[in-house]
Amino acid sequence: MKKIVSILAVIAMLAVICCSCGSTSAKVKVIDIPLSEESYAFCVGKADTELLGKVNEYLAKIKQDGTFDKICDNYFGNGTPADVISAAEDSSKDQLVVATSTGFEPFEMVDGNGVYSGIDLEIAAGLAKYLNKELVIKDMQFEAVVTSVESGLCDIGMAGLTITPARQEVVTFSDSYYSANQVLVVPADNAEFDACKTADDVVAILNAKTADCKIGCQRGTTGATYIVGDAEDPDGYGFAGLPATKMEYDYAALAFTAMINGEVDYVIVDDAPANAISKAINQ
């Protein structure tokens, strides 16, 4: 994987923390075994059928002409991530107002100068151009993204959003553009899961833990639900849950910080940010 040019400020903070803790070898590793599968999509307001149609039209176009593959190559291959600039919101202008939540590398990031990058935000820039609109990016906590679209404060949510029945009740999702998996991340010197071959092997070890075991995650994400479970929710994923204690953070990278500091034992997060953040820490 290519070194990402636009490194999230939180990732830089991780490096500082590693040094300040007196450890030059604070590393992490991803247990590359999918614990669940899900689909990402963008969301629009229930009544905004025109925008929905245009979004799906644009997604089909960039998948057919190779643009989507090129954007992904910017983060997973040999390409160079593009800077994405947000205009100031102005009701007198024809704008596409995008709700996102940075800190979810490589889908949405922002550097110290307020310059955005990421798979979702490169798509957002292209979509705005396709619609002949000015792009406005509104960065917020992940849990607020769907609500901001539902309430009409933003036109579209583009934040590594998983399609779920609960979210479908309040917003409408576009066609799926990316498939993701939940994975476990552990300290690099942890060998508990090295012999695991399947998700059942990983879960068997996790199910042997107690509430003393702490697992970090990003607030409001599938990873958070995976830890506590939702088997009794008819609209949920059907996750059984784990005996460990859930520790939520506003950004995925902060859960990694907590693990490096010994505040949590493991992290559960989507595979793309898991690999991107781990690489930034381990480089």
Protein backbone atom coordinates (compact mmCIF):
# COMPACT_ATOMS: atom_id res chain seq x y z
CA MET A 1 0.00 0.00 0.00
CA LYS A 2 1.29 3.45 -0.91
CA LYS A 3 2.20 5.86 1.86
CA ILE A 4 -0.72 8.28 2.15
CA VAL A 5 0.34 11.85 1.50
CA SER A 6 -2.41 13.62 3.48
CA ILE A 7 -1.87 12.17 6.96
CA LEU A 8 -4.65 12.90 9.39
CA ALA A 9 -3.65 15.12 12.31
CA VAL A 10 -4.76 12.42 14.73
CA ILE A 11 -2.29 10.01 13.13
CA ALA A 12 0.50 12.49 13.75
CA MET A 13 -0.64 12.65 17.35
CA LEU A 14 -0.24 8.89 17.59
CA ALA A 15 3.42 9.17 16.67
CA VAL A 16 3.93 11.82 19.34
CA ILE A 17 2.25 9.64 21.93
CA CYS A 18 4.44 6.67 21.06
CA CYS A 19 7.55 8.78 21.61
CA SER A 20 6.28 10.45 24.75
CA CYS A 21 5.54 7.06 26.27
CA GLY A 22 9.20 6.20 25.90
CA SER A 23 8.43 3.41 23.44
CA THR A 24 9.99 3.53 19.99
CA SER A 25 8.44 0.15 19.14
CA ALA A 26 4.77 0.81 19.87
CA LYS A 27 3.34 -1.11 16.92
CA VAL A 28 0.02 -2.66 16.10
CA LYS A 29 -1.16 -5.45 13.81
CA VAL A 30 -4.40 -6.23 12.05
CA ILE A 31 -5.85 -9.71 12.42
CA ASP A 32 -6.82 -10.02 8.77
CA ILE A 33 -9.89 -12.21 9.26
CA PRO A 34 -13.31 -10.64 8.49
CA LEU A 35 -15.62 -10.71 11.51
CA SER A 36 -18.57 -9.32 9.52
CA GLU A 37 -19.36 -7.99 6.07
CA GLU A 38 -21.22 -4.81 5.17
CA SER A 39 -21.83 -2.38 2.32
CA TYR A 40 -21.04 1.35 2.22
CA ALA A 41 -23.32 3.84 0.48
CA PHE A 42 -24.13 7.55 0.52
CA CYS A 43 -27.39 8.83 2.01
CA VAL A 44 -29.82 11.58 1.02
CA GLY A 45 -33.08 12.86 2.45
CA LYS A 46 -36.15 10.68 2.00
CA ALA A 47 -37.80 13.17 -0.33
CA ASP A 48 -34.72 13.99 -2.40
CA THR A 49 -35.33 11.53 -5.24
CA GLU A 50 -33.73 13.84 -7.81
CA LEU A 51 -30.40 13.94 -5.98
CA LEU A 52 -30.57 10.20 -5.35
CA GLY A 53 -30.97 9.56 -9.06
CA LYS A 54 -28.02 11.80 -9.90
CA VAL A 55 -25.82 10.17 -7.26
CA ASN A 56 -26.54 6.69 -8.58
CA GLU A 57 -26.00 7.94 -12.13
CA TYR A 58 -22.62 9.37 -11.14
CA LEU A 59 -21.56 6.22 -9.26
CA ALA A 60 -22.39 4.08 -12.29
CA LYS A 61 -20.42 6.46 -14.51
CA ILE A 62 -17.22 6.48 -12.44
CA LYS A 63 -17.29 2.72 -12.00
CA GLN A 64 -17.67 2.24 -15.74
CA ASP A 65 -15.06 4.76 -16.88
CA GLY A 66 -12.41 3.74 -14.34
CA THR A 67 -12.54 6.89 -12.19
CA PHE A 68 -13.56 4.96 -9.07
CA ASP A 69 -10.67 2.52 -9.48
CA LYS A 70 -8.28 5.45 -9.93
CA ILE A 71 -9.53 7.10 -6.72
CA CYS A 72 -9.08 3.85 -4.79
CA ASP A 73 -5.58 3.49 -6.28
CA ASN A 74 -4.74 6.87 -4.76
CA TYR A 75 -5.05 5.26 -1.33
CA PHE A 76 -4.46 1.54 -1.86
CA GLY A 77 -2.03 1.61 -4.78
CA ASN A 78 0.49 3.86 -6.48
CA GLY A 79 -1.63 6.95 -7.05
CA THR A 80 -1.41 10.28 -5.24
CA PRO A 81 -4.32 11.40 -3.03
CA ALA A 82 -5.98 14.57 -4.30
CA ASP A 83 -6.54 17.63 -2.13
CA VAL A 84 -10.22 18.43 -1.72
CA ILE A 85 -11.11 22.03 -0.86
CA SER A 86 -14.39 23.03 0.74
CA ALA A 87 -16.11 26.33 -0.04
CA ALA A 88 -17.81 28.30 2.71
CA GLU A 89 -21.49 27.53 3.00
CA ASP A 90 -23.57 30.24 1.34
CA SER A 91 -27.32 29.87 0.83
CA SER A 92 -27.21 32.31 -2.10
CA LYS A 93 -25.05 29.87 -4.11
CA ASP A 94 -25.83 26.54 -5.77
CA GLN A 95 -23.91 24.21 -3.46
CA LEU A 96 -23.68 20.53 -2.60
CA VAL A 97 -23.43 20.36 1.20
CA VAL A 98 -21.78 17.13 2.28
CA ALA A 99 -21.92 15.75 5.83
CA THR A 100 -18.85 13.74 6.75
CA SER A 101 -16.75 12.73 9.74
CA THR A 102 -12.99 12.90 9.28
CA GLY A 103 -10.71 10.57 11.19
CA PHE A 104 -11.82 7.54 9.15
CA GLU A 105 -8.80 7.00 6.96
CA PRO A 106 -8.70 6.40 4.00
CA PHE A 107 -12.31 7.49 3.37
CA GLU A 108 -12.35 10.94 4.96
CA MET A 109 -9.38 12.86 6.34
CA VAL A 110 -8.33 16.44 6.97
CA ASP A 111 -4.87 17.85 7.59
CA GLY A 112 -3.75 20.64 9.88
CA ASN A 113 -4.41 23.22 7.17
CA GLY A 114 -8.04 22.20 6.70
CA VAL A 115 -7.39 20.44 3.39
CA TYR A 116 -9.54 17.34 2.94
CA SER A 117 -8.74 14.05 1.24
CA GLY A 118 -10.05 10.50 1.16
CA ILE A 119 -12.01 8.18 -1.09
CA ASP A 120 -15.42 9.56 -0.14
CA LEU A 121 -14.34 13.17 -0.41
CA GLU A 122 -12.68 12.72 -3.80
CA ILE A 123 -15.98 11.22 -4.95
CA ALA A 124 -17.78 14.19 -3.37
CA ALA A 125 -15.62 16.64 -5.33
CA GLY A 126 -16.35 14.79 -8.55
CA LEU A 127 -20.06 14.59 -7.78
CA ALA A 128 -20.27 18.33 -7.10
CA LYS A 129 -18.58 19.04 -10.44
CA TYR A 130 -20.93 16.59 -12.17
CA LEU A 131 -23.89 18.47 -10.70
CA ASN A 132 -22.38 21.88 -11.52
CA LYS A 133 -22.46 22.77 -7.85
CA GLU A 134 -19.93 24.19 -5.42
CA LEU A 135 -18.71 21.68 -2.85
CA VAL A 136 -19.18 22.39 0.85
CA ILE A 137 -17.87 19.87 3.38
CA LYS A 138 -19.29 19.90 6.90
CA ASP A 139 -17.13 17.88 9.28
CA MET A 140 -18.93 16.51 12.33
CA GLN A 141 -19.03 13.56 14.71
CA PHE A 142 -20.05 10.36 12.95
CA GLU A 143 -23.29 9.98 14.87
CA ALA A 144 -24.50 13.36 13.54
CA VAL A 145 -24.03 12.59 9.84
CA VAL A 146 -27.32 10.77 9.19
CA THR A 147 -29.25 13.16 11.45
CA SER A 148 -27.92 16.19 9.55
CA VAL A 149 -29.15 14.71 6.26
CA GLU A 150 -32.48 13.64 7.74
CA SER A 151 -33.08 17.16 9.08
CA GLY A 152 -32.07 18.85 5.82
CA LEU A 153 -28.99 20.60 7.22
CA CYS A 154 -26.89 18.75 4.64
CA ASP A 155 -27.72 17.42 1.19
CA ILE A 156 -25.85 14.14 1.39
CA GLY A 157 -23.96 12.00 3.89
CA MET A 158 -20.59 10.64 2.69
CA ALA A 159 -18.80 9.11 5.65
CA GLY A 160 -18.13 5.41 5.18
CA LEU A 161 -21.79 4.77 6.01
CA THR A 162 -23.02 1.21 6.31
CA ILE A 163 -26.52 0.51 5.01
CA THR A 164 -28.65 -0.53 7.99
CA PRO A 165 -32.42 -0.94 8.44
CA ALA A 166 -32.48 1.69 11.20
CA ARG A 167 -30.79 4.27 8.98
CA GLN A 168 -33.02 3.35 6.05
CA GLU A 169 -36.00 4.42 8.11
CA VAL A 170 -34.85 8.06 8.14
CA VAL A 171 -32.73 8.48 4.97
CA THR A 172 -32.43 6.89 1.55
CA PHE A 173 -29.21 5.18 0.49
CA SER A 174 -27.55 5.26 -2.88
CA ASP A 175 -26.31 2.17 -4.62
CA SER A 176 -23.49 0.56 -2.67
CA TYR A 177 -19.99 1.55 -3.79
CA TYR A 178 -17.74 -0.36 -1.36
CA SER A 179 -17.78 -3.59 0.66
CA ALA A 180 -16.16 -3.54 4.10
CA ASN A 181 -15.38 -5.96 6.91
CA GLN A 182 -14.95 -5.56 10.65
CA VAL A 183 -11.52 -6.72 11.84
CA LEU A 184 -9.65 -6.96 15.12
CA VAL A 185 -6.50 -4.92 15.75
CA VAL A 186 -4.07 -5.87 18.53
CA PRO A 187 -0.68 -4.73 19.82
CA ALA A 188 2.06 -6.08 17.59
CA ASP A 189 3.54 -8.24 20.35
CA ASN A 190 0.21 -9.96 21.04
CA ALA A 191 0.31 -13.57 19.75
CA GLU A 192 -3.12 -14.72 20.99
CA PHE A 193 -4.69 -14.71 17.55
CA ASP A 194 -1.71 -15.76 15.42
CA ALA A 195 -3.01 -19.30 14.90
CA CYS A 196 -6.53 -18.20 13.98
CA LYS A 197 -7.78 -19.18 10.53
CA THR A 198 -11.46 -18.23 10.69
CA ALA A 199 -13.75 -15.69 12.32
CA ASP A 200 -14.98 -18.44 14.65
CA ASP A 201 -11.39 -18.93 15.87
CA VAL A 202 -11.09 -15.21 16.70
CA VAL A 203 -14.51 -15.04 18.33
CA ALA A 204 -13.79 -18.13 20.46
CA ILE A 205 -10.82 -16.32 22.01
CA LEU A 206 -12.78 -13.11 22.51
CA ASN A 207 -15.69 -15.00 24.07
CA ALA A 208 -13.33 -16.41 26.68
CA LYS A 209 -12.63 -12.89 27.94
CA THR A 210 -14.45 -11.11 30.75
CA ALA A 211 -15.64 -7.56 31.31
CA ASP A 212 -12.08 -6.73 32.41
CA CYS A 213 -11.11 -6.93 28.75
CA LYS A 214 -11.63 -3.57 27.02
CA ILE A 215 -12.18 -3.22 23.28
CA GLY A 216 -11.98 0.17 21.60
CA CYS A 217 -14.10 1.31 18.67
CA GLN A 218 -15.39 4.43 16.92
CA ARG A 219 -18.59 5.75 18.42
CA GLY A 220 -21.77 4.91 16.52
CA THR A 221 -20.15 2.46 14.09
CA THR A 222 -20.70 -1.19 13.21
CA GLY A 223 -17.68 -2.04 15.36
CA ALA A 224 -19.42 -0.59 18.41
CA THR A 225 -22.51 -2.68 17.71
CA TYR A 226 -20.39 -5.79 17.15
CA ILE A 227 -18.95 -5.52 20.66
CA VAL A 228 -22.25 -5.09 22.54
CA GLY A 229 -24.38 -7.19 20.18
CA ASP A 230 -27.84 -6.65 18.71
CA ALA A 231 -29.17 -10.18 18.33
CA GLU A 232 -32.54 -9.19 19.81
CA ASP A 233 -33.00 -6.28 17.41
CA PRO A 234 -35.04 -7.43 14.36
CA ASP A 235 -33.51 -4.58 12.36
CA GLY A 236 -29.97 -5.18 13.52
CA TYR A 237 -26.99 -7.13 12.21
CA GLY A 238 -27.64 -10.15 14.41
CA PHE A 239 -24.35 -9.79 16.29
CA ALA A 240 -24.17 -11.97 19.40
CA GLY A 241 -21.97 -9.51 21.27
CA LEU A 242 -18.84 -10.07 23.33
CA PRO A 243 -18.29 -10.32 27.10
CA ALA A 244 -15.69 -7.55 26.92
CA THR A 245 -16.31 -3.91 27.81
CA LYS A 246 -16.89 -1.49 24.92
CA MET A 247 -14.78 1.69 24.93
CA GLU A 248 -16.03 4.27 22.41
CA TYR A 249 -14.05 7.12 20.85
CA ASP A 250 -15.09 9.92 18.50
CA TYR A 251 -12.51 8.86 15.92
CA ALA A 252 -11.09 5.48 15.00
CA ALA A 253 -7.50 6.71 15.41
CA LEU A 254 -8.20 7.66 19.04
CA ALA A 255 -9.10 4.05 19.79
CA PHE A 256 -5.65 3.09 18.47
CA THR A 257 -4.11 5.75 20.72
CA ALA A 258 -5.89 4.21 23.69
CA MET A 259 -4.55 0.76 22.81
CA ILE A 260 -0.99 2.06 22.47
CA ASN A 261 -1.39 3.70 25.89
CA GLY A 262 -2.65 0.44 27.42
CA GLU A 263 -6.14 1.82 28.06
CA VAL A 264 -7.81 -0.82 25.88
CA ASP A 265 -6.71 -4.32 24.92
CA TYR A 266 -7.90 -4.44 21.31
CA VAL A 267 -9.70 -2.36 18.68
CA ILE A 268 -12.50 -3.44 16.34
CA VAL A 269 -12.94 -1.29 13.24
CA ASP A 270 -13.56 -1.51 9.48
CA ASP A 271 -10.72 -3.13 7.56
CA ALA A 272 -9.75 -0.14 5.38
CA PRO A 273 -9.16 2.31 8.27
CA ALA A 274 -7.67 -0.53 10.31
CA ASN A 275 -4.97 -1.09 7.71
CA ALA A 276 -4.43 2.60 6.92
CA ILE A 277 -4.09 3.70 10.54
CA SER A 278 -1.94 0.68 11.41
CA LYS A 279 0.42 1.46 8.55
CA ALA A 280 0.73 5.08 9.67
CA ILE A 281 1.60 3.96 13.20
CA ASN A 282 4.02 1.25 12.13
CA GLN A 283 5.98 3.19 9.49
